[in-house]
Amino acid sequence: MSNDLRDQLLKAGLVTEDQVKEAETRPQRASGASRKPAGKKPKKARPPQGAKGAAARPKRPRKPAAPAQTPSPTPHLDKAQREVVRTFLREKRQNTPDAPLPYNFQDGNAVKKLWVTADQQAALGSGELVIISRNDRHYLIGREDSEHLLTLDPKAVVIRADDARGEEEEDPAYKEHPIPDDLVW
């Protein structure tokens, strides 16, 4: 026992002088020695596993292998058609990477945000631009280009600003009190 530890234990009253002397005179065990209780018997060694041992064991059913690739989000298109749609969207997109204005729109049941410029925001509101949702990405393209895209991929998701307004039905009680479009909060 080191002197500092011994002195601390003595001062705290956790050990006596006799216990300290006994600990100093007792031989120390090697650090690699095992500390098994003396009364237990060692376990029997297993027989070597060869071809005989493997055959005697019951076979467990194997798990099916995981698919090598994730399924395509557009399974209705073959690989060449997907590449044509991908290059079409890259060429026709009008997204601005450092656009200052957020544009919120509904994609399915979720409200998404796309950053646009003031001109793009006005074009989205008038229906000149539409949003294409594809593989969790959103592309701004012109209305005419979206019609051409629908010929390439008939199941493409096209989000138009005027579609969202058309779904709302006007309540007859509010016909007399129209809400102004230029309301600023």
C-alpha atoms as a PDB file:
ATOM      1  CA  MET A   1       0.000   0.000   0.000  1.00  0.00           C
ATOM      2  CA  SER A   2       1.351   3.455  -0.787  1.00  0.00           C
ATOM      3  CA  ASN A   3       2.089   5.716   2.129  1.00  0.00           C
ATOM      4  CA  ASP A   4      -0.404   8.389   1.098  1.00  0.00           C
ATOM      5  CA  LEU A   5      -3.260   5.937   0.793  1.00  0.00           C
ATOM      6  CA  ARG A   6      -2.299   4.186   4.031  1.00  0.00           C
ATOM      7  CA  ASP A   7      -2.206   7.487   5.919  1.00  0.00           C
ATOM      8  CA  GLN A   8      -5.541   8.579   4.515  1.00  0.00           C
ATOM      9  CA  LEU A   9      -7.220   5.290   5.454  1.00  0.00           C
ATOM     10  CA  LEU A  10      -5.767   5.461   8.969  1.00  0.00           C
ATOM     11  CA  LYS A  11      -6.910   9.061   9.486  1.00  0.00           C
ATOM     12  CA  ALA A  12     -10.398   8.223   8.250  1.00  0.00           C
ATOM     13  CA  GLY A  13     -10.553   5.284  10.660  1.00  0.00           C
ATOM     14  CA  LEU A  14     -11.292   2.775   7.946  1.00  0.00           C
ATOM     15  CA  VAL A  15      -8.322   0.528   8.825  1.00  0.00           C
ATOM     16  CA  THR A  16      -6.252  -0.200  11.927  1.00  0.00           C
ATOM     17  CA  GLU A  17      -2.458  -0.395  12.353  1.00  0.00           C
ATOM     18  CA  ASP A  18      -2.676  -4.192  12.490  1.00  0.00           C
ATOM     19  CA  GLN A  19      -4.540  -4.364   9.165  1.00  0.00           C
ATOM     20  CA  VAL A  20      -1.951  -2.094   7.516  1.00  0.00           C
ATOM     21  CA  LYS A  21       0.939  -4.294   8.752  1.00  0.00           C
ATOM     22  CA  GLU A  22      -0.844  -7.434   7.550  1.00  0.00           C
ATOM     23  CA  ALA A  23      -1.427  -5.933   4.099  1.00  0.00           C
ATOM     24  CA  GLU A  24       2.237  -4.948   3.798  1.00  0.00           C
ATOM     25  CA  THR A  25       3.539  -8.392   4.731  1.00  0.00           C
ATOM     26  CA  ARG A  26       1.084 -10.410   2.580  1.00  0.00           C
ATOM     27  CA  PRO A  27       2.537 -11.468  -0.819  1.00  0.00           C
ATOM     28  CA  GLN A  28       0.996  -9.669  -3.818  1.00  0.00           C
ATOM     29  CA  ARG A  29      -0.711 -11.667  -6.576  1.00  0.00           C
ATOM     30  CA  ALA A  30       0.326 -11.266 -10.167  1.00  0.00           C
ATOM     31  CA  SER A  31      -2.008  -9.008 -12.120  1.00  0.00           C
ATOM     32  CA  GLY A  32      -2.797 -11.742 -14.650  1.00  0.00           C
ATOM     33  CA  ALA A  33      -3.806 -14.358 -12.065  1.00  0.00           C
ATOM     34  CA  SER A  34      -7.376 -15.484 -12.183  1.00  0.00           C
ATOM     35  CA  ARG A  35      -9.595 -15.024  -9.134  1.00  0.00           C
ATOM     36  CA  LYS A  36     -11.754 -18.128  -9.340  1.00  0.00           C
ATOM     37  CA  PRO A  37     -13.231 -19.547  -6.168  1.00  0.00           C
ATOM     38  CA  ALA A  38     -11.313 -22.610  -5.002  1.00  0.00           C
ATOM     39  CA  GLY A  39     -14.351 -24.897  -4.690  1.00  0.00           C
ATOM     40  CA  LYS A  40     -15.512 -24.866  -8.331  1.00  0.00           C
ATOM     41  CA  LYS A  41     -14.488 -27.434 -10.919  1.00  0.00           C
ATOM     42  CA  PRO A  42     -13.275 -26.322 -14.340  1.00  0.00           C
ATOM     43  CA  LYS A  43     -15.727 -26.750 -17.211  1.00  0.00           C
ATOM     44  CA  LYS A  44     -15.282 -29.562 -19.676  1.00  0.00           C
ATOM     45  CA  ALA A  45     -13.639 -28.631 -22.926  1.00  0.00           C
ATOM     46  CA  ARG A  46     -15.786 -28.859 -26.040  1.00  0.00           C
ATOM     47  CA  PRO A  47     -14.895 -31.423 -28.651  1.00  0.00           C
ATOM     48  CA  PRO A  48     -13.326 -29.969 -31.799  1.00  0.00           C
ATOM     49  CA  GLN A  49     -15.831 -28.799 -34.377  1.00  0.00           C
ATOM     50  CA  GLY A  50     -15.206 -30.498 -37.674  1.00  0.00           C
ATOM     51  CA  ALA A  51     -17.467 -31.672 -40.436  1.00  0.00           C
ATOM     52  CA  LYS A  52     -18.969 -34.152 -37.992  1.00  0.00           C
ATOM     53  CA  GLY A  53     -19.838 -31.471 -35.431  1.00  0.00           C
ATOM     54  CA  ALA A  54     -21.422 -29.173 -38.021  1.00  0.00           C
ATOM     55  CA  ALA A  55     -23.624 -31.950 -39.379  1.00  0.00           C
ATOM     56  CA  ALA A  56     -24.904 -32.875 -35.938  1.00  0.00           C
ATOM     57  CA  ARG A  57     -26.035 -29.316 -35.222  1.00  0.00           C
ATOM     58  CA  PRO A  58     -29.548 -28.323 -36.348  1.00  0.00           C
ATOM     59  CA  LYS A  59     -29.530 -25.824 -39.190  1.00  0.00           C
ATOM     60  CA  ARG A  60     -30.937 -22.388 -38.515  1.00  0.00           C
ATOM     61  CA  PRO A  61     -32.867 -20.644 -41.246  1.00  0.00           C
ATOM     62  CA  ARG A  62     -30.825 -17.894 -42.820  1.00  0.00           C
ATOM     63  CA  LYS A  63     -32.053 -14.352 -43.048  1.00  0.00           C
ATOM     64  CA  PRO A  64     -32.801 -13.210 -46.560  1.00  0.00           C
ATOM     65  CA  ALA A  65     -30.136 -10.946 -47.949  1.00  0.00           C
ATOM     66  CA  ALA A  66     -30.885  -7.247 -47.856  1.00  0.00           C
ATOM     67  CA  PRO A  67     -31.571  -5.720 -51.269  1.00  0.00           C
ATOM     68  CA  ALA A  68     -28.468  -4.300 -52.887  1.00  0.00           C
ATOM     69  CA  GLN A  69     -30.139  -1.017 -53.754  1.00  0.00           C
ATOM     70  CA  THR A  70     -33.034   0.951 -52.415  1.00  0.00           C
ATOM     71  CA  PRO A  71     -36.133   0.782 -54.587  1.00  0.00           C
ATOM     72  CA  SER A  72     -36.537   3.509 -57.157  1.00  0.00           C
ATOM     73  CA  PRO A  73     -39.022   6.284 -56.337  1.00  0.00           C
ATOM     74  CA  THR A  74     -40.108   6.135 -59.978  1.00  0.00           C
ATOM     75  CA  PRO A  75     -40.527   2.426 -60.757  1.00  0.00           C
ATOM     76  CA  HIS A  76     -42.823   3.166 -63.678  1.00  0.00           C
ATOM     77  CA  LEU A  77     -39.862   4.566 -65.653  1.00  0.00           C
ATOM     78  CA  ASP A  78     -36.914   2.608 -66.923  1.00  0.00           C
ATOM     79  CA  LYS A  79     -33.361   3.789 -66.369  1.00  0.00           C
ATOM     80  CA  ALA A  80     -33.081   5.683 -69.675  1.00  0.00           C
ATOM     81  CA  GLN A  81     -36.370   7.529 -69.108  1.00  0.00           C
ATOM     82  CA  ARG A  82     -35.311   8.513 -65.590  1.00  0.00           C
ATOM     83  CA  GLU A  83     -32.086   9.947 -66.970  1.00  0.00           C
ATOM     84  CA  VAL A  84     -34.010  11.937 -69.607  1.00  0.00           C
ATOM     85  CA  VAL A  85     -36.293  13.396 -66.915  1.00  0.00           C
ATOM     86  CA  ARG A  86     -33.299  14.162 -64.684  1.00  0.00           C
ATOM     87  CA  THR A  87     -31.427  16.054 -67.421  1.00  0.00           C
ATOM     88  CA  PHE A  88     -34.619  17.855 -68.466  1.00  0.00           C
ATOM     89  CA  LEU A  89     -35.129  19.108 -64.914  1.00  0.00           C
ATOM     90  CA  ARG A  90     -31.483  20.173 -64.617  1.00  0.00           C
ATOM     91  CA  GLU A  91     -31.680  22.168 -67.853  1.00  0.00           C
ATOM     92  CA  LYS A  92     -35.067  23.792 -67.236  1.00  0.00           C
ATOM     93  CA  ARG A  93     -34.916  24.526 -63.523  1.00  0.00           C
ATOM     94  CA  GLN A  94     -34.962  28.153 -62.460  1.00  0.00           C
ATOM     95  CA  ASN A  95     -33.992  27.684 -58.813  1.00  0.00           C
ATOM     96  CA  THR A  96     -31.763  30.396 -57.363  1.00  0.00           C
ATOM     97  CA  PRO A  97     -29.369  29.072 -54.717  1.00  0.00           C
ATOM     98  CA  ASP A  98     -29.119  32.310 -52.722  1.00  0.00           C
ATOM     99  CA  ALA A  99     -32.711  33.518 -53.065  1.00  0.00           C
ATOM    100  CA  PRO A 100     -33.839  35.833 -50.236  1.00  0.00           C
ATOM    101  CA  LEU A 101     -37.580  35.082 -49.901  1.00  0.00           C
ATOM    102  CA  PRO A 102     -39.158  31.933 -48.475  1.00  0.00           C
ATOM    103  CA  TYR A 103     -42.085  30.527 -50.444  1.00  0.00           C
ATOM    104  CA  ASN A 104     -44.270  28.106 -48.475  1.00  0.00           C
ATOM    105  CA  PHE A 105     -46.323  25.546 -50.368  1.00  0.00           C
ATOM    106  CA  GLN A 106     -48.143  22.319 -49.655  1.00  0.00           C
ATOM    107  CA  ASP A 107     -46.581  19.089 -50.871  1.00  0.00           C
ATOM    108  CA  GLY A 108     -48.997  16.301 -50.000  1.00  0.00           C
ATOM    109  CA  ASN A 109     -49.862  16.757 -46.337  1.00  0.00           C
ATOM    110  CA  ALA A 110     -46.682  18.650 -45.476  1.00  0.00           C
ATOM    111  CA  VAL A 111     -45.931  22.349 -45.819  1.00  0.00           C
ATOM    112  CA  LYS A 112     -42.567  22.835 -47.520  1.00  0.00           C
ATOM    113  CA  LYS A 113     -40.401  25.907 -47.969  1.00  0.00           C
ATOM    114  CA  LEU A 114     -38.586  26.941 -51.131  1.00  0.00           C
ATOM    115  CA  TRP A 115     -36.358  30.011 -51.353  1.00  0.00           C
ATOM    116  CA  VAL A 116     -37.216  32.258 -54.316  1.00  0.00           C
ATOM    117  CA  THR A 117     -36.576  35.753 -55.632  1.00  0.00           C
ATOM    118  CA  ALA A 118     -39.270  38.441 -55.794  1.00  0.00           C
ATOM    119  CA  ASP A 119     -39.748  37.856 -59.558  1.00  0.00           C
ATOM    120  CA  GLN A 120     -40.081  34.103 -59.018  1.00  0.00           C
ATOM    121  CA  GLN A 121     -42.572  34.665 -56.210  1.00  0.00           C
ATOM    122  CA  ALA A 122     -44.727  36.824 -58.477  1.00  0.00           C
ATOM    123  CA  ALA A 123     -44.452  34.261 -61.311  1.00  0.00           C
ATOM    124  CA  LEU A 124     -45.470  31.461 -58.933  1.00  0.00           C
ATOM    125  CA  GLY A 125     -48.488  33.457 -57.803  1.00  0.00           C
ATOM    126  CA  SER A 126     -49.591  34.147 -61.373  1.00  0.00           C
ATOM    127  CA  GLY A 127     -49.063  30.535 -62.473  1.00  0.00           C
ATOM    128  CA  GLU A 128     -46.183  31.184 -64.880  1.00  0.00           C
ATOM    129  CA  LEU A 129     -43.877  29.040 -62.746  1.00  0.00           C
ATOM    130  CA  VAL A 130     -44.716  25.715 -61.119  1.00  0.00           C
ATOM    131  CA  ILE A 131     -42.949  23.553 -58.564  1.00  0.00           C
ATOM    132  CA  ILE A 132     -41.946  20.000 -59.451  1.00  0.00           C
ATOM    133  CA  SER A 133     -41.468  17.668 -56.497  1.00  0.00           C
ATOM    134  CA  ARG A 134     -39.102  14.821 -57.279  1.00  0.00           C
ATOM    135  CA  ASN A 135     -37.003  12.628 -54.942  1.00  0.00           C
ATOM    136  CA  ASP A 136     -37.434  15.038 -51.987  1.00  0.00           C
ATOM    137  CA  ARG A 137     -36.199  17.935 -54.128  1.00  0.00           C
ATOM    138  CA  HIS A 138     -38.209  20.793 -55.521  1.00  0.00           C
ATOM    139  CA  TYR A 139     -37.598  22.406 -58.892  1.00  0.00           C
ATOM    140  CA  LEU A 140     -38.996  25.674 -60.249  1.00  0.00           C
ATOM    141  CA  ILE A 141     -39.797  25.392 -63.942  1.00  0.00           C
ATOM    142  CA  GLY A 142     -42.046  27.214 -66.397  1.00  0.00           C
ATOM    143  CA  ARG A 143     -45.657  26.162 -66.979  1.00  0.00           C
ATOM    144  CA  GLU A 144     -44.963  25.098 -70.602  1.00  0.00           C
ATOM    145  CA  ASP A 145     -41.967  23.057 -69.489  1.00  0.00           C
ATOM    146  CA  SER A 146     -44.110  21.302 -66.894  1.00  0.00           C
ATOM    147  CA  GLU A 147     -46.522  20.208 -69.633  1.00  0.00           C
ATOM    148  CA  HIS A 148     -43.580  18.745 -71.566  1.00  0.00           C
ATOM    149  CA  LEU A 149     -42.356  17.033 -68.374  1.00  0.00           C
ATOM    150  CA  LEU A 150     -45.760  15.395 -67.956  1.00  0.00           C
ATOM    151  CA  THR A 151     -45.341  13.823 -71.405  1.00  0.00           C
ATOM    152  CA  LEU A 152     -41.971  12.402 -70.277  1.00  0.00           C
ATOM    153  CA  ASP A 153     -43.206  11.324 -66.830  1.00  0.00           C
ATOM    154  CA  PRO A 154     -47.010  11.213 -66.496  1.00  0.00           C
ATOM    155  CA  LYS A 155     -46.806  10.585 -62.744  1.00  0.00           C
ATOM    156  CA  ALA A 156     -44.657  13.642 -61.993  1.00  0.00           C
ATOM    157  CA  VAL A 157     -45.870  15.760 -59.067  1.00  0.00           C
ATOM    158  CA  VAL A 158     -46.623  19.285 -60.280  1.00  0.00           C
ATOM    159  CA  ILE A 159     -47.553  21.889 -57.668  1.00  0.00           C
ATOM    160  CA  ARG A 160     -49.301  25.004 -58.928  1.00  0.00           C
ATOM    161  CA  ALA A 161     -50.137  28.027 -56.785  1.00  0.00           C
ATOM    162  CA  ASP A 162     -53.541  28.470 -58.437  1.00  0.00           C
ATOM    163  CA  ASP A 163     -54.494  24.850 -57.586  1.00  0.00           C
ATOM    164  CA  ALA A 164     -54.289  25.598 -53.869  1.00  0.00           C
ATOM    165  CA  ARG A 165     -56.557  28.606 -54.221  1.00  0.00           C
ATOM    166  CA  GLY A 166     -59.056  26.739 -56.379  1.00  0.00           C
ATOM    167  CA  GLU A 167     -59.642  24.095 -53.720  1.00  0.00           C
ATOM    168  CA  GLU A 168     -60.979  26.605 -51.216  1.00  0.00           C
ATOM    169  CA  GLU A 169     -64.711  27.124 -51.386  1.00  0.00           C
ATOM    170  CA  GLU A 170     -66.004  30.561 -50.606  1.00  0.00           C
ATOM    171  CA  ASP A 171     -68.315  30.779 -47.650  1.00  0.00           C
ATOM    172  CA  PRO A 172     -71.465  32.705 -48.693  1.00  0.00           C
ATOM    173  CA  ALA A 173     -71.400  34.643 -45.412  1.00  0.00           C
ATOM    174  CA  TYR A 174     -68.076  36.245 -46.380  1.00  0.00           C
ATOM    175  CA  LYS A 175     -69.008  37.262 -49.956  1.00  0.00           C
ATOM    176  CA  GLU A 176     -69.908  40.728 -48.708  1.00  0.00           C
ATOM    177  CA  HIS A 177     -66.540  41.087 -46.945  1.00  0.00           C
ATOM    178  CA  PRO A 178     -63.712  40.173 -49.321  1.00  0.00           C
ATOM    179  CA  ILE A 179     -60.187  39.831 -47.912  1.00  0.00           C
ATOM    180  CA  PRO A 180     -57.751  42.167 -49.669  1.00  0.00           C
ATOM    181  CA  ASP A 181     -54.789  40.534 -51.451  1.00  0.00           C
ATOM    182  CA  ASP A 182     -52.344  43.228 -50.352  1.00  0.00           C
ATOM    183  CA  LEU A 183     -52.854  42.696 -46.627  1.00  0.00           C
ATOM    184  CA  VAL A 184     -49.534  43.050 -44.795  1.00  0.00           C
ATOM    185  CA  TRP A 185     -49.222  41.619 -41.298  1.00  0.00           C
END
